[in-house]
Amino acid sequence: MKINMPENVQTILNKLHSNGYQAYIYGACIRDYLLGKEPINWDITTNALPNNTVVIFDENEGFTSIPSVEDYGIVTLHFKGESFQVNTFRTGEARRFADDISEDLLHKDFTMNSIAYNEQAGIVDPYNGVGDIEKRLIRCAQNPYEQMQEDSARILRAVRFESQLGFKIEAELLQAMKDLKDTVPASGSRVRNEFIQLLLSEQPSRSIRRLLELGLLERLIPELMPAIGFDTHSSYHDKDVFEHSLVVLDNTEPNLTLRLAALLHDIDKPNCLTIDEDGEGHCYGHASGGSEMAQAILGRLNFDRKTIQAVSSLIKEHMNDFGNISDLSIKRLIRRVGPDNIDRLFELQLADIKGSALSSRDPERITKIRNKCFEVLSRREPLTVHDLDISGYDLLSLGYPPGKKIGETMDYLLDQVIDNPSLNQRDTLIALLKNRK
């Protein structure tokens, strides 16, 4: 079998070979190629040590070599506007360097990723990864308990591949995943990255259900557990809170902010339920409470501040029924949610409606408000502090102390400008501040 790889990848392999080293493409790029998909990345593995790789690919020939700070065995090559990761062969848990490609492939996560290729050797598949791809099977090359303990994030990765690729997890591996669930860290960048990928899969509810089955959902987001089977006693809902959230999740586009908001949008309902005299359930305040819970959850999972803020804003506003649809109220809504985030709010609300066959909310009303937001945005009026004709540096020069006071003052000015855009001139804004004093 011949794999047609990009010219720049072949150039890197040829250069390593000409310097006396073994070199292969490996892993996901071969798996995707065999599945008929366009590989996203072409990763390269070699028996050249990282310092030798750096020496071989010098700047005089157009290469830039950057050794990894976090992992000594990885060198990133920049060449003709592209980036490629070059890994040195490894052994197992000790992560020592190896000289045998089969030893390196033995310790990859799953057999479907334990395949290498170059033009000289062809397909190198010592653990029948090609066969497992044909069977659509997720399997380890060695004892799955040992393989998962080498890197416990692989447990989440198996869940991700199950959903992304539609593969089946081998029974022995699945049992190992259940038994080793407590070895998966409850936070950290690798756990977060795997969680992101499974959320962005075509049917994310499938992965969430698998996490629940494995006991991992409780480990990662214990706040979701009370939602399972929780009846809101509402005539507008035909599912419990957890099942409703999963339907909403599947009805959203694969955008991280939107999918996180969909998963967590009703998370505070179990804490807010009241039953009126007619037996009807109400969860007053769950949007605001859920917003605060989401901030804590995503912070614990090491999400960045921008994502946390965007998600919490969507959750806080998702019950807004837009009773007042004046231009001013629309501008204030855009300010609260963010111009880059506002369309996701409407996507979340429409998915929320689809999540219940009994919903009384009107999708046409949401579409109407959405169009009105687009009209306001098209006028390019000031909607954030970055749109003001004055900056924090200007306030410093006016004698304002650095810190919280600057932010509060900019927010005050933005409030005035949103009400009256004609005020957005530097001298006028300074005059407003002087009059405020």
Protein backbone atom coordinates (compact mmCIF):
# COMPACT_ATOMS: atom_id res chain seq x y z
CA MET A 1 0.00 0.00 0.00
CA LYS A 2 1.20 3.49 -0.84
CA ILE A 3 0.14 6.50 1.20
CA ASN A 4 0.23 9.81 -0.62
CA MET A 5 1.63 12.26 1.87
CA PRO A 6 2.20 16.02 1.44
CA GLU A 7 5.45 17.09 -0.22
CA ASN A 8 6.76 18.85 2.90
CA VAL A 9 6.23 15.71 5.00
CA GLN A 10 8.13 13.61 2.47
CA THR A 11 10.94 16.19 2.48
CA ILE A 12 11.32 15.84 6.26
CA LEU A 13 11.35 12.03 6.08
CA ASN A 14 13.90 12.08 3.25
CA LYS A 15 16.17 14.41 5.18
CA LEU A 16 16.14 12.19 8.27
CA HIS A 17 16.81 9.12 6.09
CA SER A 18 19.70 10.81 4.28
CA ASN A 19 21.29 11.52 7.65
CA GLY A 20 21.16 7.83 8.60
CA TYR A 21 18.01 7.79 10.73
CA GLN A 22 14.75 5.89 10.56
CA ALA A 23 11.69 8.07 10.04
CA TYR A 24 7.98 7.35 9.61
CA ILE A 25 4.62 9.02 9.63
CA TYR A 26 2.45 7.35 12.24
CA GLY A 27 -0.75 7.32 14.25
CA ALA A 28 -3.84 9.39 13.50
CA CYS A 29 -2.81 10.46 10.00
CA ILE A 30 -2.59 6.83 8.86
CA ARG A 31 -5.81 5.89 10.67
CA ASP A 32 -7.67 8.76 9.01
CA TYR A 33 -6.13 7.99 5.61
CA LEU A 34 -7.31 4.38 5.87
CA LEU A 35 -10.78 5.59 6.86
CA GLY A 36 -10.90 7.76 3.75
CA LYS A 37 -10.60 11.01 5.70
CA GLU A 38 -8.21 13.88 5.07
CA PRO A 39 -5.61 13.80 7.87
CA ILE A 40 -5.55 16.95 9.99
CA ASN A 41 -1.93 16.52 11.11
CA TRP A 42 0.95 14.49 9.71
CA ASP A 43 3.03 13.47 12.72
CA ILE A 44 6.52 12.05 12.28
CA THR A 45 8.48 9.67 14.46
CA THR A 46 12.21 8.91 14.26
CA ASN A 47 15.07 7.30 16.16
CA ALA A 48 17.00 10.59 15.88
CA LEU A 49 17.39 12.15 19.31
CA PRO A 50 15.82 15.61 19.71
CA ASN A 51 19.20 17.41 19.69
CA ASN A 52 20.12 15.59 16.46
CA THR A 53 16.81 16.61 14.90
CA VAL A 54 17.50 20.24 15.74
CA VAL A 55 20.97 20.02 14.14
CA ILE A 56 19.71 18.30 10.97
CA PHE A 57 17.01 20.86 10.24
CA ASP A 58 18.90 24.12 10.25
CA GLU A 59 17.67 27.56 9.32
CA ASN A 60 19.86 27.83 6.20
CA GLU A 61 17.55 25.36 4.47
CA GLY A 62 14.35 27.09 5.54
CA PHE A 63 13.61 25.09 8.69
CA THR A 64 12.95 26.39 12.19
CA SER A 65 13.34 23.79 14.94
CA ILE A 66 11.70 24.35 18.32
CA PRO A 67 12.24 21.73 21.06
CA SER A 68 9.19 21.27 23.29
CA VAL A 69 9.41 22.81 26.74
CA GLU A 70 6.94 20.30 28.20
CA ASP A 71 8.23 17.14 26.51
CA TYR A 72 11.92 16.79 25.68
CA GLY A 73 11.20 14.09 23.10
CA ILE A 74 9.27 16.39 20.76
CA VAL A 75 10.62 18.90 18.25
CA THR A 76 8.30 21.15 16.26
CA LEU A 77 9.51 21.95 12.75
CA HIS A 78 8.30 25.02 10.89
CA PHE A 79 8.82 24.70 7.15
CA LYS A 80 7.29 26.65 4.26
CA GLY A 81 4.47 28.01 6.41
CA GLU A 82 3.53 24.67 7.98
CA SER A 83 4.27 23.05 11.34
CA PHE A 84 5.12 19.41 11.92
CA GLN A 85 5.72 17.49 15.14
CA VAL A 86 8.72 15.15 15.18
CA ASN A 87 8.82 12.61 18.02
CA THR A 88 11.72 10.43 19.05
CA PHE A 89 10.92 6.71 19.47
CA ARG A 90 9.89 5.96 23.08
CA THR A 91 9.60 3.01 25.39
CA GLY A 92 6.71 2.69 27.83
CA GLU A 93 5.84 4.31 31.12
CA ALA A 94 9.40 5.49 31.84
CA ARG A 95 9.27 7.34 28.50
CA ARG A 96 12.89 6.55 27.71
CA PHE A 97 14.05 6.78 24.10
CA ALA A 98 13.98 3.62 21.99
CA ASP A 99 15.64 2.54 18.75
CA ASP A 100 12.90 0.18 17.55
CA ILE A 101 9.75 1.41 15.85
CA SER A 102 7.82 -1.65 17.10
CA GLU A 103 8.69 -0.79 20.70
CA ASP A 104 7.48 2.75 20.14
CA LEU A 105 4.21 1.62 18.53
CA LEU A 106 3.57 -0.87 21.35
CA HIS A 107 3.04 2.02 23.75
CA LYS A 108 0.67 4.12 21.64
CA ASP A 109 -2.83 4.42 23.06
CA PHE A 110 -4.69 2.00 20.76
CA THR A 111 -3.82 -0.37 17.94
CA MET A 112 -5.55 1.85 15.36
CA ASN A 113 -2.90 4.46 16.20
CA SER A 114 -0.04 1.93 16.40
CA ILE A 115 0.67 2.01 12.68
CA ALA A 116 3.64 3.64 10.92
CA TYR A 117 4.58 4.16 7.28
CA ASN A 118 7.36 5.26 4.99
CA GLU A 119 8.03 4.53 1.34
CA GLN A 120 10.94 2.23 2.08
CA ALA A 121 9.18 -0.07 4.61
CA GLY A 122 5.56 0.45 3.58
CA ILE A 123 2.95 -0.11 6.29
CA VAL A 124 4.46 -1.10 9.64
CA ASP A 125 1.64 -2.72 11.63
CA PRO A 126 2.99 -5.11 14.28
CA TYR A 127 -0.21 -5.11 16.39
CA ASN A 128 -2.89 -5.50 13.67
CA GLY A 129 -4.10 -1.92 13.82
CA VAL A 130 -5.23 -2.09 10.19
CA GLY A 131 -7.40 -5.09 11.03
CA ASP A 132 -8.92 -3.30 14.01
CA ILE A 133 -9.69 -0.27 11.84
CA GLU A 134 -11.48 -2.59 9.41
CA LYS A 135 -13.41 -4.09 12.36
CA ARG A 136 -14.00 -0.60 13.76
CA LEU A 137 -12.61 -1.76 17.09
CA ILE A 138 -10.83 0.20 19.83
CA ARG A 139 -8.26 -2.13 21.34
CA CYS A 140 -4.89 -1.92 23.12
CA ALA A 141 -1.71 -3.52 21.79
CA GLN A 142 -0.90 -4.92 25.22
CA ASN A 143 -2.65 -5.41 28.56
CA PRO A 144 -5.28 -2.64 28.66
CA TYR A 145 -4.80 -2.08 32.40
CA GLU A 146 -1.12 -1.34 31.81
CA GLN A 147 -1.83 0.73 28.71
CA MET A 148 -4.42 2.91 30.48
CA GLN A 149 -2.18 3.42 33.50
CA GLU A 150 0.63 4.72 31.27
CA ASP A 151 -1.66 7.70 30.61
CA SER A 152 -5.06 7.77 32.30
CA ALA A 153 -6.32 10.44 29.88
CA ARG A 154 -6.51 7.56 27.38
CA ILE A 155 -9.70 6.45 29.14
CA LEU A 156 -11.39 9.66 28.02
CA ARG A 157 -9.76 9.33 24.62
CA ALA A 158 -11.37 5.92 24.11
CA VAL A 159 -14.76 7.46 24.89
CA ARG A 160 -14.02 10.22 22.39
CA PHE A 161 -13.00 7.82 19.62
CA GLU A 162 -16.08 5.70 20.24
CA SER A 163 -18.26 8.70 19.48
CA GLN A 164 -16.11 10.43 16.85
CA LEU A 165 -15.37 7.35 14.77
CA GLY A 166 -18.35 5.15 15.59
CA PHE A 167 -15.98 2.40 16.76
CA LYS A 168 -16.72 -0.21 19.44
CA ILE A 169 -14.60 -0.46 22.59
CA GLU A 170 -13.24 -3.98 23.13
CA ALA A 171 -14.83 -5.65 26.18
CA GLU A 172 -11.53 -6.12 28.08
CA LEU A 173 -10.57 -2.50 27.51
CA LEU A 174 -14.01 -1.29 28.59
CA GLN A 175 -13.71 -3.23 31.85
CA ALA A 176 -10.26 -1.75 32.46
CA MET A 177 -11.68 1.72 31.88
CA LYS A 178 -14.38 1.11 34.49
CA ASP A 179 -11.92 -0.31 37.01
CA LEU A 180 -9.41 2.53 36.53
CA LYS A 181 -11.85 5.45 36.48
CA ASP A 182 -10.45 6.84 39.72
CA THR A 183 -7.02 7.26 38.12
CA VAL A 184 -8.38 9.93 35.76
CA PRO A 185 -7.55 13.38 37.19
CA ALA A 186 -10.60 15.52 37.96
CA SER A 187 -8.87 18.47 36.29
CA GLY A 188 -5.85 19.35 34.17
CA SER A 189 -5.17 20.38 30.60
CA ARG A 190 -5.11 16.87 29.13
CA VAL A 191 -8.44 15.95 30.71
CA ARG A 192 -9.92 19.25 29.55
CA ASN A 193 -8.65 18.72 25.99
CA GLU A 194 -10.16 15.24 25.76
CA PHE A 195 -13.43 16.49 27.22
CA ILE A 196 -13.51 19.27 24.62
CA GLN A 197 -13.02 16.80 21.78
CA LEU A 198 -15.79 14.48 22.92
CA LEU A 199 -18.14 17.45 23.34
CA LEU A 200 -17.43 18.48 19.75
CA SER A 201 -18.24 15.06 18.31
CA GLU A 202 -21.23 14.58 16.02
CA GLN A 203 -23.43 13.16 18.80
CA PRO A 204 -21.93 14.35 22.12
CA SER A 205 -24.73 12.82 24.22
CA ARG A 206 -23.32 9.39 23.37
CA SER A 207 -20.03 10.29 25.04
CA ILE A 208 -21.74 11.85 28.06
CA ARG A 209 -23.80 8.68 28.56
CA ARG A 210 -20.62 6.58 28.35
CA LEU A 211 -18.93 8.81 30.93
CA LEU A 212 -21.94 8.29 33.19
CA GLU A 213 -21.79 4.52 32.72
CA LEU A 214 -18.07 4.47 33.54
CA GLY A 215 -18.49 6.62 36.65
CA LEU A 216 -16.43 9.39 35.07
CA LEU A 217 -19.19 11.98 34.74
CA GLU A 218 -19.54 12.05 38.51
CA ARG A 219 -15.78 12.47 38.79
CA LEU A 220 -15.55 15.32 36.28
CA ILE A 221 -18.85 17.17 36.83
CA PRO A 222 -20.46 15.88 40.05
CA GLU A 223 -22.86 18.84 39.93
CA LEU A 224 -24.67 17.13 37.03
CA MET A 225 -25.61 14.05 39.02
CA PRO A 226 -28.68 15.52 40.78
CA ALA A 227 -30.13 16.32 37.33
CA ILE A 228 -30.33 12.60 36.48
CA GLY A 229 -33.95 11.52 36.84
CA PHE A 230 -34.92 14.89 38.32
CA ASP A 231 -38.58 15.69 37.63
CA THR A 232 -39.38 19.41 37.54
CA HIS A 233 -43.13 18.67 37.73
CA SER A 234 -43.60 21.10 34.87
CA SER A 235 -46.30 20.77 32.23
CA TYR A 236 -43.78 22.29 29.77
CA HIS A 237 -41.23 19.50 30.06
CA ASP A 238 -41.52 15.91 28.92
CA LYS A 239 -38.10 14.73 30.16
CA ASP A 240 -36.05 14.86 33.33
CA VAL A 241 -33.42 17.60 33.54
CA PHE A 242 -30.51 15.38 32.49
CA GLU A 243 -32.26 13.86 29.47
CA HIS A 244 -33.49 17.28 28.39
CA SER A 245 -29.94 18.68 28.62
CA LEU A 246 -28.58 15.88 26.43
CA VAL A 247 -31.22 16.51 23.75
CA VAL A 248 -30.39 20.22 23.81
CA LEU A 249 -26.69 19.33 23.57
CA ASP A 250 -27.24 17.22 20.46
CA ASN A 251 -29.31 19.99 18.86
CA THR A 252 -26.45 22.50 18.93
CA GLU A 253 -23.73 23.16 16.39
CA PRO A 254 -20.23 21.84 17.29
CA ASN A 255 -19.08 25.06 18.93
CA LEU A 256 -17.36 24.63 22.29
CA THR A 257 -18.97 27.61 24.05
CA LEU A 258 -22.42 26.65 22.83
CA ARG A 259 -22.07 22.98 23.73
CA LEU A 260 -20.76 23.70 27.22
CA ALA A 261 -23.70 26.04 27.78
CA ALA A 262 -26.13 23.43 26.45
CA LEU A 263 -24.80 20.75 28.78
CA LEU A 264 -24.89 22.99 31.85
CA HIS A 265 -27.79 25.37 31.14
CA ASP A 266 -30.24 23.72 33.59
CA ILE A 267 -27.71 22.44 36.11
CA ASP A 268 -29.14 24.51 38.98
CA LYS A 269 -32.76 23.36 38.55
CA PRO A 270 -32.55 20.66 41.25
CA ASN A 271 -31.58 23.39 43.71
CA CYS A 272 -34.41 25.76 42.76
CA LEU A 273 -37.56 23.67 42.48
CA THR A 274 -40.74 24.92 44.11
CA ILE A 275 -44.23 23.48 43.63
CA ASP A 276 -47.21 25.87 43.50
CA GLU A 277 -50.70 25.19 44.85
CA ASP A 278 -51.74 23.65 41.53
CA GLY A 279 -48.87 21.14 41.66
CA GLU A 280 -46.93 22.94 38.92
CA GLY A 281 -43.17 23.01 39.34
CA HIS A 282 -41.08 26.16 38.96
CA CYS A 283 -37.31 26.61 39.01
CA TYR A 284 -37.07 30.35 39.54
CA GLY A 285 -33.52 31.69 39.48
CA HIS A 286 -31.95 28.57 37.96
CA ALA A 287 -30.42 30.54 35.07
CA SER A 288 -28.53 32.88 37.39
CA GLY A 289 -27.54 30.06 39.74
CA GLY A 290 -26.51 27.85 36.83
CA SER A 291 -24.30 30.63 35.50
CA GLU A 292 -22.42 30.74 38.81
CA MET A 293 -22.16 26.95 38.96
CA ALA A 294 -20.81 26.85 35.40
CA GLN A 295 -18.08 29.32 36.33
CA ALA A 296 -16.96 27.08 39.20
CA ILE A 297 -17.13 23.88 37.12
CA LEU A 298 -15.25 25.25 34.12
CA GLY A 299 -12.68 26.92 36.33
CA ARG A 300 -12.02 23.58 38.01
CA LEU A 301 -11.64 21.95 34.58
CA ASN A 302 -9.01 24.54 33.60
CA PHE A 303 -10.97 26.35 30.92
CA ASP A 304 -9.74 29.82 30.01
CA ARG A 305 -11.40 32.96 31.38
CA LYS A 306 -12.87 34.00 28.03
CA THR A 307 -14.65 30.66 27.55
CA ILE A 308 -15.91 30.64 31.13
CA GLN A 309 -17.31 34.14 30.78
CA ALA A 310 -18.98 33.38 27.44
CA VAL A 311 -20.59 30.16 28.71
CA SER A 312 -21.80 31.69 31.97
CA SER A 313 -23.32 34.63 30.06
CA LEU A 314 -25.29 32.29 27.80
CA ILE A 315 -26.61 30.31 30.73
CA LYS A 316 -27.57 33.44 32.65
CA GLU A 317 -29.56 34.81 29.71
CA HIS A 318 -31.04 31.60 28.29
CA MET A 319 -34.45 32.14 29.95
CA ASN A 320 -34.75 35.74 28.74
CA ASP A 321 -38.14 36.04 27.02
CA PHE A 322 -37.38 39.51 25.61
CA GLY A 323 -40.42 41.17 27.11
CA ASN A 324 -38.95 44.57 26.28
CA ILE A 325 -37.61 44.70 22.72
CA SER A 326 -36.59 48.35 22.44
CA ASP A 327 -33.29 49.21 20.75
CA LEU A 328 -31.87 50.14 24.14
CA SER A 329 -32.76 46.79 25.68
CA ILE A 330 -31.27 45.00 22.68
CA LYS A 331 -28.01 46.95 23.03
CA ARG A 332 -27.86 46.16 26.72
CA LEU A 333 -28.43 42.48 25.96
CA ILE A 334 -25.60 42.49 23.41
CA ARG A 335 -23.37 44.21 25.95
CA ARG A 336 -24.11 41.58 28.61
CA VAL A 337 -23.61 38.59 26.32
CA GLY A 338 -20.97 40.05 23.99
CA PRO A 339 -21.22 40.89 20.26
CA ASP A 340 -19.26 37.76 19.33
CA ASN A 341 -21.41 35.56 21.58
CA ILE A 342 -24.91 36.89 21.04
CA ASP A 343 -25.87 34.59 18.17
CA ARG A 344 -25.00 31.58 20.33
CA LEU A 345 -27.62 32.72 22.83
CA PHE A 346 -30.34 32.39 20.20
CA GLU A 347 -28.91 29.04 19.07
CA LEU A 348 -29.07 27.83 22.69
CA GLN A 349 -32.65 29.03 23.11
CA LEU A 350 -33.79 27.37 19.88
CA ALA A 351 -32.09 24.11 20.91
CA ASP A 352 -33.76 24.43 24.32
CA ILE A 353 -37.15 24.61 22.63
CA LYS A 354 -36.35 21.52 20.55
CA GLY A 355 -35.37 19.77 23.77
CA SER A 356 -38.98 19.60 24.96
CA ALA A 357 -42.00 18.57 22.92
CA LEU A 358 -44.17 20.52 25.38
CA SER A 359 -42.28 23.81 25.29
CA SER A 360 -44.48 26.93 25.15
CA ARG A 361 -41.71 29.22 23.93
CA ASP A 362 -42.09 30.69 20.46
CA PRO A 363 -39.11 30.13 18.12
CA GLU A 364 -40.41 32.86 15.80
CA ARG A 365 -40.09 35.40 18.61
CA ILE A 366 -36.49 34.38 19.16
CA THR A 367 -35.79 34.69 15.43
CA LYS A 368 -37.37 38.14 15.46
CA ILE A 369 -35.12 39.32 18.31
CA ARG A 370 -32.13 37.74 16.59
CA ASN A 371 -32.79 39.78 13.45
CA LYS A 372 -33.19 42.92 15.53
CA CYS A 373 -29.79 42.25 17.12
CA PHE A 374 -28.25 41.94 13.67
CA GLU A 375 -29.77 45.30 12.76
CA VAL A 376 -28.25 46.94 15.86
CA LEU A 377 -24.86 45.33 15.23
CA SER A 378 -24.90 46.49 11.62
CA ARG A 379 -25.07 50.11 12.80
CA ARG A 380 -21.67 49.64 14.48
CA GLU A 381 -22.63 51.68 17.51
CA PRO A 382 -20.49 51.40 20.68
CA LEU A 383 -21.40 48.22 22.56
CA THR A 384 -18.25 47.38 24.53
CA VAL A 385 -15.64 49.42 26.40
CA HIS A 386 -13.26 48.80 23.49
CA ASP A 387 -15.61 50.87 21.31
CA LEU A 388 -15.28 53.96 23.52
CA ASP A 389 -13.32 56.96 22.30
CA ILE A 390 -11.33 56.84 25.51
CA SER A 391 -9.14 54.19 27.09
CA GLY A 392 -7.92 53.10 30.47
CA TYR A 393 -4.63 54.84 29.72
CA ASP A 394 -6.55 58.10 29.29
CA LEU A 395 -8.12 57.60 32.70
CA LEU A 396 -4.69 57.02 34.24
CA SER A 397 -3.51 60.33 32.76
CA LEU A 398 -6.57 61.99 34.33
CA GLY A 399 -5.47 60.82 37.76
CA TYR A 400 -7.57 57.68 38.19
CA PRO A 401 -5.77 55.02 40.23
CA PRO A 402 -4.90 51.77 38.42
CA GLY A 403 -7.04 48.75 39.18
CA LYS A 404 -10.74 48.15 39.77
CA LYS A 405 -11.65 51.86 39.63
CA ILE A 406 -10.59 52.08 35.97
CA GLY A 407 -12.89 49.22 34.98
CA GLU A 408 -15.83 50.61 36.91
CA THR A 409 -15.38 54.03 35.31
CA MET A 410 -15.19 52.58 31.80
CA ASP A 411 -18.37 50.61 32.48
CA TYR A 412 -20.08 53.81 33.64
CA LEU A 413 -19.08 55.60 30.43
CA LEU A 414 -20.26 52.70 28.32
CA ASP A 415 -23.66 52.83 30.03
CA GLN A 416 -23.97 56.47 29.07
CA VAL A 417 -22.86 55.89 25.48
CA ILE A 418 -25.18 52.92 24.97
CA ASP A 419 -28.07 55.18 25.97
CA ASN A 420 -26.78 57.99 23.75
CA PRO A 421 -24.15 57.05 21.12
CA SER A 422 -23.50 60.71 20.28
CA LEU A 423 -21.66 61.04 23.60
CA ASN A 424 -18.84 58.85 22.33
CA GLN A 425 -16.26 61.60 21.84
CA ARG A 426 -13.18 61.88 23.98
CA ASP A 427 -13.77 65.43 25.20
CA THR A 428 -17.44 64.73 25.91
CA LEU A 429 -16.57 61.60 27.90
CA ILE A 430 -13.99 63.50 29.95
CA ALA A 431 -16.60 66.17 30.63
CA LEU A 432 -19.03 63.51 31.80
CA LEU A 433 -16.45 62.26 34.28
CA LYS A 434 -15.79 65.76 35.61
CA ASN A 435 -19.51 66.39 36.05
CA ARG A 436 -19.87 63.00 37.74
CA LYS A 437 -17.44 64.10 40.42
